[in-house]
C-alpha atoms as a PDB file:
ATOM      1  CA  MET A   1      13.777 -24.371 -33.699  1.00  0.00           C
ATOM      2  CA  ALA A   2      11.650 -21.222 -33.828  1.00  0.00           C
ATOM      3  CA  ASP A   3       9.790 -22.228 -30.663  1.00  0.00           C
ATOM      4  CA  SER A   4      13.108 -22.868 -28.936  1.00  0.00           C
ATOM      5  CA  ARG A   5      14.419 -19.428 -29.886  1.00  0.00           C
ATOM      6  CA  VAL A   6      11.237 -17.782 -28.628  1.00  0.00           C
ATOM      7  CA  ALA A   7      11.495 -19.652 -25.332  1.00  0.00           C
ATOM      8  CA  ASP A   8      15.161 -18.700 -24.930  1.00  0.00           C
ATOM      9  CA  SER A   9      14.349 -15.065 -25.689  1.00  0.00           C
ATOM     10  CA  GLY A  10      11.510 -15.066 -23.171  1.00  0.00           C
ATOM     11  CA  ALA A  11      13.715 -16.617 -20.484  1.00  0.00           C
ATOM     12  CA  ALA A  12      16.449 -14.067 -21.151  1.00  0.00           C
ATOM     13  CA  GLN A  13      13.977 -11.190 -20.897  1.00  0.00           C
ATOM     14  CA  LEU A  14      12.617 -12.596 -17.630  1.00  0.00           C
ATOM     15  CA  ARG A  15      16.129 -12.835 -16.179  1.00  0.00           C
ATOM     16  CA  GLN A  16      16.841  -9.281 -17.289  1.00  0.00           C
ATOM     17  CA  SER A  17      13.619  -8.032 -15.706  1.00  0.00           C
ATOM     18  CA  LEU A  18      14.244  -9.804 -12.409  1.00  0.00           C
ATOM     19  CA  GLY A  19      17.855  -8.627 -12.352  1.00  0.00           C
ATOM     20  CA  ALA A  20      16.866  -5.003 -12.952  1.00  0.00           C
ATOM     21  CA  TYR A  21      14.082  -5.260 -10.381  1.00  0.00           C
ATOM     22  CA  GLY A  22      16.496  -6.627  -7.795  1.00  0.00           C
ATOM     23  CA  GLN A  23      19.088  -3.909  -8.416  1.00  0.00           C
ATOM     24  CA  ILE A  24      16.538  -1.104  -8.089  1.00  0.00           C
ATOM     25  CA  VAL A  25      15.056  -2.662  -4.948  1.00  0.00           C
ATOM     26  CA  ARG A  26      18.484  -2.951  -3.327  1.00  0.00           C
ATOM     27  CA  MET A  27      19.139   0.707  -4.100  1.00  0.00           C
ATOM     28  CA  TRP A  28      15.933   1.837  -2.394  1.00  0.00           C
ATOM     29  CA  ILE A  29      16.521  -0.454   0.589  1.00  0.00           C
ATOM     30  CA  ARG A  30      19.977   1.058   1.119  1.00  0.00           C
ATOM     31  CA  ALA A  31      18.441   4.523   0.894  1.00  0.00           C
ATOM     32  CA  ALA A  32      15.767   3.646   3.472  1.00  0.00           C
ATOM     33  CA  LEU A  33      18.231   2.094   5.914  1.00  0.00           C
ATOM     34  CA  ALA A  34      20.542   5.104   5.665  1.00  0.00           C
ATOM     35  CA  TYR A  35      18.147   6.792   8.102  1.00  0.00           C
ATOM     36  CA  PRO A  36      17.318   3.955  10.552  1.00  0.00           C
ATOM     37  CA  ALA A  37      15.333   6.084  13.012  1.00  0.00           C
ATOM     38  CA  SER A  38      13.044   7.339  10.248  1.00  0.00           C
ATOM     39  CA  PHE A  39      12.714   3.820   8.813  1.00  0.00           C
ATOM     40  CA  TRP A  40      11.677   2.258  12.115  1.00  0.00           C
ATOM     41  CA  MET A  41       9.254   5.053  12.962  1.00  0.00           C
ATOM     42  CA  THR A  42       7.493   4.809   9.612  1.00  0.00           C
ATOM     43  CA  THR A  43       7.455   0.998   9.748  1.00  0.00           C
ATOM     44  CA  LEU A  44       5.953   0.954  13.244  1.00  0.00           C
ATOM     45  CA  GLY A  45       3.499   3.663  12.212  1.00  0.00           C
ATOM     46  CA  ASN A  46       2.474   1.571   9.220  1.00  0.00           C
ATOM     47  CA  MET A  47       2.026  -1.422  11.519  1.00  0.00           C
ATOM     48  CA  ALA A  48      -0.116   0.551  13.969  1.00  0.00           C
ATOM     49  CA  ALA A  49      -2.262   2.090  11.221  1.00  0.00           C
ATOM     50  CA  SER A  50      -2.998  -1.272   9.600  1.00  0.00           C
ATOM     51  CA  GLY A  51      -3.747  -2.774  13.016  1.00  0.00           C
ATOM     52  CA  MET A  52      -6.633  -0.376  13.574  1.00  0.00           C
ATOM     53  CA  ASP A  53      -8.783  -2.469  11.247  1.00  0.00           C
ATOM     54  CA  PHE A  54      -8.423  -5.446  13.574  1.00  0.00           C
ATOM     55  CA  VAL A  55      -9.189  -3.247  16.570  1.00  0.00           C
ATOM     56  CA  VAL A  56     -12.543  -2.481  14.929  1.00  0.00           C
ATOM     57  CA  ILE A  57     -13.201  -6.215  14.490  1.00  0.00           C
ATOM     58  CA  ALA A  58     -12.249  -6.893  18.109  1.00  0.00           C
ATOM     59  CA  VAL A  59     -14.635  -4.184  19.300  1.00  0.00           C
ATOM     60  CA  ILE A  60     -17.458  -5.785  17.304  1.00  0.00           C
ATOM     61  CA  PHE A  61     -16.831  -9.072  19.091  1.00  0.00           C
ATOM     62  CA  LEU A  62     -17.126  -7.375  22.463  1.00  0.00           C
ATOM     63  CA  HIS A  63     -20.853  -7.238  21.718  1.00  0.00           C
ATOM     64  CA  THR A  64     -21.403 -10.516  19.878  1.00  0.00           C
ATOM     65  CA  GLN A  65     -20.158 -14.111  19.889  1.00  0.00           C
ATOM     66  CA  ALA A  66     -20.262 -14.500  16.111  1.00  0.00           C
ATOM     67  CA  LEU A  67     -20.274 -12.310  13.008  1.00  0.00           C
ATOM     68  CA  GLY A  68     -22.268 -13.793  10.170  1.00  0.00           C
ATOM     69  CA  GLY A  69     -21.865 -17.171  11.892  1.00  0.00           C
ATOM     70  CA  TRP A  70     -18.061 -16.827  12.101  1.00  0.00           C
ATOM     71  CA  THR A  71     -16.171 -16.745  15.408  1.00  0.00           C
ATOM     72  CA  LEU A  72     -13.432 -14.257  16.265  1.00  0.00           C
ATOM     73  CA  PRO A  73     -10.538 -16.665  15.458  1.00  0.00           C
ATOM     74  CA  GLN A  74     -12.167 -17.465  12.110  1.00  0.00           C
ATOM     75  CA  VAL A  75     -12.590 -13.776  11.251  1.00  0.00           C
ATOM     76  CA  ALA A  76      -9.019 -13.176  12.442  1.00  0.00           C
ATOM     77  CA  PHE A  77      -7.955 -15.858   9.946  1.00  0.00           C
ATOM     78  CA  LEU A  78      -9.662 -13.904   7.158  1.00  0.00           C
ATOM     79  CA  TYR A  79      -8.148 -10.656   8.404  1.00  0.00           C
ATOM     80  CA  GLY A  80      -4.641 -12.097   8.623  1.00  0.00           C
ATOM     81  CA  THR A  81      -4.668 -13.756   5.204  1.00  0.00           C
ATOM     82  CA  SER A  82      -6.199 -10.695   3.532  1.00  0.00           C
ATOM     83  CA  GLY A  83      -3.686  -8.293   5.080  1.00  0.00           C
ATOM     84  CA  LEU A  84      -0.718 -10.607   4.505  1.00  0.00           C
ATOM     85  CA  THR A  85      -1.407 -11.163   0.800  1.00  0.00           C
ATOM     86  CA  LEU A  86      -2.178  -7.501   0.157  1.00  0.00           C
ATOM     87  CA  GLY A  87       0.913  -6.480   2.118  1.00  0.00           C
ATOM     88  CA  LEU A  88       3.178  -8.750   0.074  1.00  0.00           C
ATOM     89  CA  ALA A  89       1.703  -7.527  -3.215  1.00  0.00           C
ATOM     90  CA  ASP A  90       1.922  -3.910  -2.052  1.00  0.00           C
ATOM     91  CA  LEU A  91       5.561  -4.395  -1.064  1.00  0.00           C
ATOM     92  CA  LEU A  92       6.485  -5.981  -4.398  1.00  0.00           C
ATOM     93  CA  VAL A  93       4.503  -3.907  -6.925  1.00  0.00           C
ATOM     94  CA  GLY A  94       2.515  -1.329  -4.939  1.00  0.00           C
ATOM     95  CA  SER A  95       4.590   1.562  -6.288  1.00  0.00           C
ATOM     96  CA  MET A  96       2.883   1.133  -9.637  1.00  0.00           C
ATOM     97  CA  ASP A  97      -0.187   2.987  -8.402  1.00  0.00           C
ATOM     98  CA  GLN A  98       1.747   6.204  -9.158  1.00  0.00           C
ATOM     99  CA  LEU A  99       1.842   5.457 -12.878  1.00  0.00           C
ATOM    100  CA  GLY A 100      -0.917   7.969 -13.586  1.00  0.00           C
ATOM    101  CA  VAL A 101       1.249  10.769 -12.186  1.00  0.00           C
ATOM    102  CA  ARG A 102       4.114   9.700 -14.455  1.00  0.00           C
ATOM    103  CA  VAL A 103       1.821   9.654 -17.480  1.00  0.00           C
ATOM    104  CA  ARG A 104       0.535  13.152 -16.727  1.00  0.00           C
ATOM    105  CA  ASP A 105       3.945  14.742 -16.135  1.00  0.00           C
ATOM    106  CA  GLY A 106       5.692  12.858 -18.945  1.00  0.00           C
ATOM    107  CA  SER A 107       8.322  11.210 -16.729  1.00  0.00           C
ATOM    108  CA  ILE A 108       7.202   7.793 -18.023  1.00  0.00           C
ATOM    109  CA  ASP A 109       9.159   8.652 -21.182  1.00  0.00           C
ATOM    110  CA  THR A 110      12.423   8.296 -19.258  1.00  0.00           C
ATOM    111  CA  VAL A 111      11.414   4.802 -18.177  1.00  0.00           C
ATOM    112  CA  LEU A 112      10.453   3.685 -21.681  1.00  0.00           C
ATOM    113  CA  VAL A 113      13.726   4.706 -23.348  1.00  0.00           C
ATOM    114  CA  ARG A 114      15.892   2.677 -20.954  1.00  0.00           C
ATOM    115  CA  PRO A 115      17.031  -0.785 -22.155  1.00  0.00           C
ATOM    116  CA  VAL A 116      15.172  -2.461 -19.261  1.00  0.00           C
ATOM    117  CA  PRO A 117      11.519  -3.634 -19.239  1.00  0.00           C
ATOM    118  CA  ALA A 118       9.307  -0.787 -18.028  1.00  0.00           C
ATOM    119  CA  LEU A 119       7.274  -3.076 -15.768  1.00  0.00           C
ATOM    120  CA  ALA A 120      10.354  -4.059 -13.752  1.00  0.00           C
ATOM    121  CA  GLN A 121      11.430  -0.421 -13.379  1.00  0.00           C
ATOM    122  CA  LEU A 122       8.039   0.854 -12.281  1.00  0.00           C
ATOM    123  CA  ALA A 123       7.340  -2.031  -9.909  1.00  0.00           C
ATOM    124  CA  ALA A 124      10.642  -1.491  -8.094  1.00  0.00           C
ATOM    125  CA  ASP A 125      10.641   2.308  -8.196  1.00  0.00           C
ATOM    126  CA  ARG A 126      10.544   3.851  -4.690  1.00  0.00           C
ATOM    127  CA  PHE A 127      10.428   0.379  -3.139  1.00  0.00           C
ATOM    128  CA  ALA A 128       9.095   1.063   0.362  1.00  0.00           C
ATOM    129  CA  LEU A 129      10.517  -1.364   2.904  1.00  0.00           C
ATOM    130  CA  ARG A 130       8.329   0.279   5.562  1.00  0.00           C
ATOM    131  CA  ARG A 131       5.410  -1.668   4.089  1.00  0.00           C
ATOM    132  CA  LEU A 132       6.742  -4.631   6.029  1.00  0.00           C
ATOM    133  CA  GLY A 133       4.728  -3.178   8.922  1.00  0.00           C
ATOM    134  CA  ARG A 134       1.440  -4.387   7.413  1.00  0.00           C
ATOM    135  CA  ILE A 135       2.930  -7.808   6.645  1.00  0.00           C
ATOM    136  CA  VAL A 136       4.265  -8.319  10.168  1.00  0.00           C
ATOM    137  CA  GLN A 137       1.062  -7.098  11.830  1.00  0.00           C
ATOM    138  CA  SER A 138      -1.201  -9.241   9.631  1.00  0.00           C
ATOM    139  CA  GLY A 139       1.079 -12.232  10.061  1.00  0.00           C
ATOM    140  CA  ALA A 140       0.889 -11.842  13.850  1.00  0.00           C
ATOM    141  CA  VAL A 141      -2.933 -11.815  13.748  1.00  0.00           C
ATOM    142  CA  LEU A 142      -2.904 -14.854  11.451  1.00  0.00           C
ATOM    143  CA  GLY A 143      -0.595 -16.671  13.860  1.00  0.00           C
ATOM    144  CA  TRP A 144      -2.941 -15.882  16.750  1.00  0.00           C
ATOM    145  CA  ALA A 145      -5.913 -17.132  14.753  1.00  0.00           C
ATOM    146  CA  LEU A 146      -4.218 -20.422  13.843  1.00  0.00           C
ATOM    147  CA  ALA A 147      -3.229 -20.962  17.490  1.00  0.00           C
ATOM    148  CA  HIS A 148      -6.851 -20.566  18.630  1.00  0.00           C
ATOM    149  CA  LEU A 149      -8.615 -22.437  15.832  1.00  0.00           C
ATOM    150  CA  GLU A 150      -7.186 -25.831  16.835  1.00  0.00           C
ATOM    151  CA  LEU A 151      -7.270 -27.092  13.264  1.00  0.00           C
ATOM    152  CA  THR A 152      -6.439 -30.666  12.333  1.00  0.00           C
ATOM    153  CA  TRP A 153      -3.746 -30.217   9.716  1.00  0.00           C
ATOM    154  CA  THR A 154      -3.437 -32.563   6.760  1.00  0.00           C
ATOM    155  CA  PRO A 155      -0.997 -32.399   3.829  1.00  0.00           C
ATOM    156  CA  LEU A 156      -3.802 -31.041   1.621  1.00  0.00           C
ATOM    157  CA  LYS A 157      -4.726 -28.320   4.129  1.00  0.00           C
ATOM    158  CA  LEU A 158      -1.090 -27.269   4.364  1.00  0.00           C
ATOM    159  CA  LEU A 159      -0.897 -27.143   0.578  1.00  0.00           C
ATOM    160  CA  VAL A 160      -4.076 -25.053   0.396  1.00  0.00           C
ATOM    161  CA  MET A 161      -2.676 -22.718   3.053  1.00  0.00           C
ATOM    162  CA  VAL A 162       0.578 -22.173   1.145  1.00  0.00           C
ATOM    163  CA  SER A 163      -1.378 -21.770  -2.086  1.00  0.00           C
ATOM    164  CA  LEU A 164      -3.633 -19.206  -0.390  1.00  0.00           C
ATOM    165  CA  VAL A 165      -0.690 -16.959   0.485  1.00  0.00           C
ATOM    166  CA  LEU A 166       1.098 -17.318  -2.853  1.00  0.00           C
ATOM    167  CA  CYS A 167      -1.969 -17.091  -5.095  1.00  0.00           C
ATOM    168  CA  GLY A 168      -3.538 -14.304  -3.052  1.00  0.00           C
ATOM    169  CA  THR A 169      -0.357 -12.275  -3.472  1.00  0.00           C
ATOM    170  CA  VAL A 170      -0.375 -12.917  -7.220  1.00  0.00           C
ATOM    171  CA  ILE A 171      -4.051 -11.924  -7.531  1.00  0.00           C
ATOM    172  CA  PHE A 172      -3.555  -8.653  -5.676  1.00  0.00           C
ATOM    173  CA  GLY A 173      -0.338  -8.029  -7.615  1.00  0.00           C
ATOM    174  CA  ALA A 174      -2.182  -8.580 -10.878  1.00  0.00           C
ATOM    175  CA  VAL A 175      -4.846  -6.077  -9.808  1.00  0.00           C
ATOM    176  CA  PHE A 176      -2.082  -3.554  -9.069  1.00  0.00           C
ATOM    177  CA  VAL A 177      -0.537  -4.099 -12.517  1.00  0.00           C
ATOM    178  CA  GLY A 178      -3.848  -4.190 -14.389  1.00  0.00           C
ATOM    179  CA  GLY A 179      -5.123  -1.101 -12.577  1.00  0.00           C
ATOM    180  CA  SER A 180      -1.907   0.727 -13.343  1.00  0.00           C
ATOM    181  CA  ALA A 181      -2.179  -0.199 -17.023  1.00  0.00           C
ATOM    182  CA  PHE A 182      -5.669   1.316 -17.026  1.00  0.00           C
ATOM    183  CA  GLN A 183      -4.046   4.630 -16.102  1.00  0.00           C
ATOM    184  CA  PHE A 184      -2.465   4.770 -19.554  1.00  0.00           C
ATOM    185  CA  PHE A 185      -5.992   5.359 -20.843  1.00  0.00           C
ATOM    186  CA  VAL A 186      -7.417   7.300 -17.881  1.00  0.00           C
ATOM    187  CA  ALA A 187      -4.470   8.973 -16.188  1.00  0.00           C
ATOM    188  CA  ASP A 188      -6.346  10.000 -13.044  1.00  0.00           C
ATOM    189  CA  ALA A 189      -7.734   6.580 -12.145  1.00  0.00           C
ATOM    190  CA  ALA A 190      -5.609   5.592  -9.138  1.00  0.00           C
ATOM    191  CA  GLU A 191      -8.648   5.571  -6.864  1.00  0.00           C
ATOM    192  CA  VAL A 192     -10.381   3.039  -9.094  1.00  0.00           C
ATOM    193  CA  GLN A 193      -7.406   0.736  -8.627  1.00  0.00           C
ATOM    194  CA  ASN A 194      -7.366   1.365  -4.883  1.00  0.00           C
ATOM    195  CA  SER A 195     -11.009   0.377  -4.594  1.00  0.00           C
ATOM    196  CA  PHE A 196     -10.126  -3.129  -5.798  1.00  0.00           C
ATOM    197  CA  THR A 197      -6.833  -3.482  -3.879  1.00  0.00           C
ATOM    198  CA  TYR A 198      -7.142  -1.774  -0.494  1.00  0.00           C
ATOM    199  CA  GLY A 199     -10.933  -1.735  -0.655  1.00  0.00           C
ATOM    200  CA  GLY A 200     -11.044  -5.372  -1.719  1.00  0.00           C
ATOM    201  CA  ALA A 201      -8.672  -6.381   1.080  1.00  0.00           C
ATOM    202  CA  THR A 202     -10.887  -4.626   3.627  1.00  0.00           C
ATOM    203  CA  MET A 203     -13.919  -6.510   2.345  1.00  0.00           C
ATOM    204  CA  LEU A 204     -12.067  -9.843   2.546  1.00  0.00           C
ATOM    205  CA  GLN A 205     -11.357  -9.230   6.234  1.00  0.00           C
ATOM    206  CA  TYR A 206     -15.023  -9.972   6.969  1.00  0.00           C
ATOM    207  CA  PRO A 207     -16.974 -13.200   6.391  1.00  0.00           C
ATOM    208  CA  PRO A 208     -18.729 -13.539   3.024  1.00  0.00           C
ATOM    209  CA  THR A 209     -21.970 -14.217   4.924  1.00  0.00           C
ATOM    210  CA  VAL A 210     -22.268 -10.563   5.992  1.00  0.00           C
ATOM    211  CA  PHE A 211     -22.471  -9.382   2.369  1.00  0.00           C
ATOM    212  CA  ALA A 212     -25.266  -9.701  -0.172  1.00  0.00           C
ATOM    213  CA  LYS A 213     -24.917 -12.819  -2.312  1.00  0.00           C
ATOM    214  CA  ASP A 214     -24.689 -10.742  -5.494  1.00  0.00           C
ATOM    215  CA  ILE A 215     -21.610  -8.959  -4.113  1.00  0.00           C
ATOM    216  CA  VAL A 216     -19.996 -12.279  -3.220  1.00  0.00           C
ATOM    217  CA  ARG A 217     -20.776 -13.636  -6.698  1.00  0.00           C
ATOM    218  CA  GLY A 218     -19.048 -10.552  -8.138  1.00  0.00           C
ATOM    219  CA  THR A 219     -15.853 -11.514  -6.307  1.00  0.00           C
ATOM    220  CA  VAL A 220     -16.067 -14.999  -7.812  1.00  0.00           C
ATOM    221  CA  TYR A 221     -17.100 -14.365 -11.412  1.00  0.00           C
ATOM    222  CA  GLY A 222     -15.963 -10.728 -11.786  1.00  0.00           C
ATOM    223  CA  VAL A 223     -12.720  -9.590 -10.189  1.00  0.00           C
ATOM    224  CA  PRO A 224     -11.909 -12.940  -8.495  1.00  0.00           C
ATOM    225  CA  LEU A 225     -10.943 -11.631  -5.058  1.00  0.00           C
ATOM    226  CA  ALA A 226     -12.882 -14.459  -3.382  1.00  0.00           C
ATOM    227  CA  PHE A 227     -10.065 -16.790  -4.423  1.00  0.00           C
ATOM    228  CA  VAL A 228      -7.629 -14.788  -2.284  1.00  0.00           C
ATOM    229  CA  ASN A 229      -8.978 -16.166   0.988  1.00  0.00           C
ATOM    230  CA  TRP A 230     -12.759 -16.616   1.144  1.00  0.00           C
ATOM    231  CA  LEU A 231     -12.972 -19.825  -0.889  1.00  0.00           C
ATOM    232  CA  PRO A 232      -9.797 -21.563   0.329  1.00  0.00           C
ATOM    233  CA  ALA A 233     -10.712 -20.555   3.901  1.00  0.00           C
ATOM    234  CA  LEU A 234     -13.952 -22.528   3.572  1.00  0.00           C
ATOM    235  CA  TYR A 235     -11.875 -25.686   3.150  1.00  0.00           C
ATOM    236  CA  VAL A 236      -9.214 -24.874   5.745  1.00  0.00           C
ATOM    237  CA  LEU A 237     -11.807 -23.928   8.370  1.00  0.00           C
ATOM    238  CA  GLY A 238     -14.279 -26.661   7.406  1.00  0.00           C
ATOM    239  CA  ARG A 239     -17.176 -24.305   6.687  1.00  0.00           C
ATOM    240  CA  SER A 240     -20.019 -24.646   4.192  1.00  0.00           C
ATOM    241  CA  ASP A 241     -20.205 -22.495   1.089  1.00  0.00           C
ATOM    242  CA  PRO A 242     -22.953 -19.810   1.344  1.00  0.00           C
ATOM    243  CA  LEU A 243     -23.272 -19.719  -2.459  1.00  0.00           C
ATOM    244  CA  GLY A 244     -23.349 -23.477  -2.998  1.00  0.00           C
ATOM    245  CA  LEU A 245     -20.516 -23.364  -5.537  1.00  0.00           C
ATOM    246  CA  PRO A 246     -18.887 -26.553  -6.844  1.00  0.00           C
ATOM    247  CA  GLY A 247     -16.500 -27.997  -4.275  1.00  0.00           C
ATOM    248  CA  TRP A 248     -13.446 -27.671  -6.546  1.00  0.00           C
ATOM    249  CA  PHE A 249     -13.753 -23.866  -6.406  1.00  0.00           C
ATOM    250  CA  ARG A 250     -12.100 -24.043  -2.979  1.00  0.00           C
ATOM    251  CA  PHE A 251      -8.945 -25.342  -4.663  1.00  0.00           C
ATOM    252  CA  ALA A 252      -9.084 -23.100  -7.743  1.00  0.00           C
ATOM    253  CA  SER A 253      -6.960 -20.207  -6.431  1.00  0.00           C
ATOM    254  CA  PRO A 254      -3.997 -21.174  -8.678  1.00  0.00           C
ATOM    255  CA  LEU A 255      -6.265 -21.040 -11.741  1.00  0.00           C
ATOM    256  CA  ALA A 256      -7.650 -17.661 -10.669  1.00  0.00           C
ATOM    257  CA  ALA A 257      -4.140 -16.326 -10.052  1.00  0.00           C
ATOM    258  CA  LEU A 258      -2.972 -17.544 -13.463  1.00  0.00           C
ATOM    259  CA  ALA A 259      -5.977 -15.944 -15.167  1.00  0.00           C
ATOM    260  CA  CYS A 260      -5.464 -12.653 -13.310  1.00  0.00           C
ATOM    261  CA  ALA A 261      -1.769 -12.582 -14.225  1.00  0.00           C
ATOM    262  CA  ALA A 262      -2.581 -13.261 -17.886  1.00  0.00           C
ATOM    263  CA  VAL A 263      -5.219 -10.508 -18.027  1.00  0.00           C
ATOM    264  CA  ALA A 264      -2.891  -8.069 -16.252  1.00  0.00           C
ATOM    265  CA  GLY A 265      -0.150  -8.875 -18.767  1.00  0.00           C
ATOM    266  CA  LEU A 266      -2.479  -8.234 -21.690  1.00  0.00           C
ATOM    267  CA  LEU A 267      -3.677  -4.942 -20.189  1.00  0.00           C
ATOM    268  CA  TRP A 268      -0.087  -3.865 -19.587  1.00  0.00           C
ATOM    269  CA  ARG A 269       0.910  -4.607 -23.193  1.00  0.00           C
ATOM    270  CA  ALA A 270      -2.139  -2.750 -24.471  1.00  0.00           C
ATOM    271  CA  GLY A 271      -1.373   0.242 -22.242  1.00  0.00           C
ATOM    272  CA  ILE A 272       2.274   0.434 -23.317  1.00  0.00           C
ATOM    273  CA  ARG A 273       1.341   0.213 -26.994  1.00  0.00           C
ATOM    274  CA  SER A 274      -1.327   2.903 -26.689  1.00  0.00           C
ATOM    275  CA  TYR A 275       0.902   5.400 -24.886  1.00  0.00           C
ATOM    276  CA  ARG A 276       1.854   8.552 -26.739  1.00  0.00           C
ATOM    277  CA  SER A 277       4.557  10.784 -25.341  1.00  0.00           C
ATOM    278  CA  THR A 278       3.641  14.182 -23.906  1.00  0.00           C
ATOM    279  CA  GLY A 279       6.522  15.642 -25.881  1.00  0.00           C
ATOM    280  CA  SER A 280       7.885  17.408 -22.808  1.00  0.00           C
END
């Protein structure tokens, strides 16, 4: 009976969180669309800015046929999956990188006294629909890559591909949440978080073979960003593993995503419990 009550309470809290998140998101979407010209200009600007990274990759391939043994369509696959998963995570919870500002000015107190989970409020706060620009641009590059790779699709490859997008989004989202929780302890640490989110996504745009093996191992056994696209891409593209890891690592993105979400949840709870009001 006790376990049943706990489960019911957890389900009710999850529904409340999702409901509050949805209401706040809808409010910010209506606000953004109230000025359509501004919305479209910022969205297209976001798309163009994120596309510059692929322009750099394309310029590199004007002077070489392969980068670290990877062809342009294969690198475009990495670029597209990296940008798409980061873009989705940034759209859903990217606003949390401003938590340090709220901690410093005391406005986090307003969030904590409301009868709605703080995580849902902060994740949806200032929801920026213009971030769709990165998602659309990365998705277009991914589509181009898939059209030129001429892959032989099997049910397992399709499953790995879907898992790549979903689990990669969860991993980046967990890094956003965990990095934000760290700002409860070190309020001016947004750049540390950015180095693992935006910086990590930039690294994942390039083949693992262009980096030192110790760096690649760090993305497997440290912050598991390799499970976003590097490892599943090895299976989808039929490439060998430069680290010689066990073959099942290529299918372990769901486990990595679950572990990242659990760690992020623990860090968030610890941050909330450690917070002391500014008194302002």
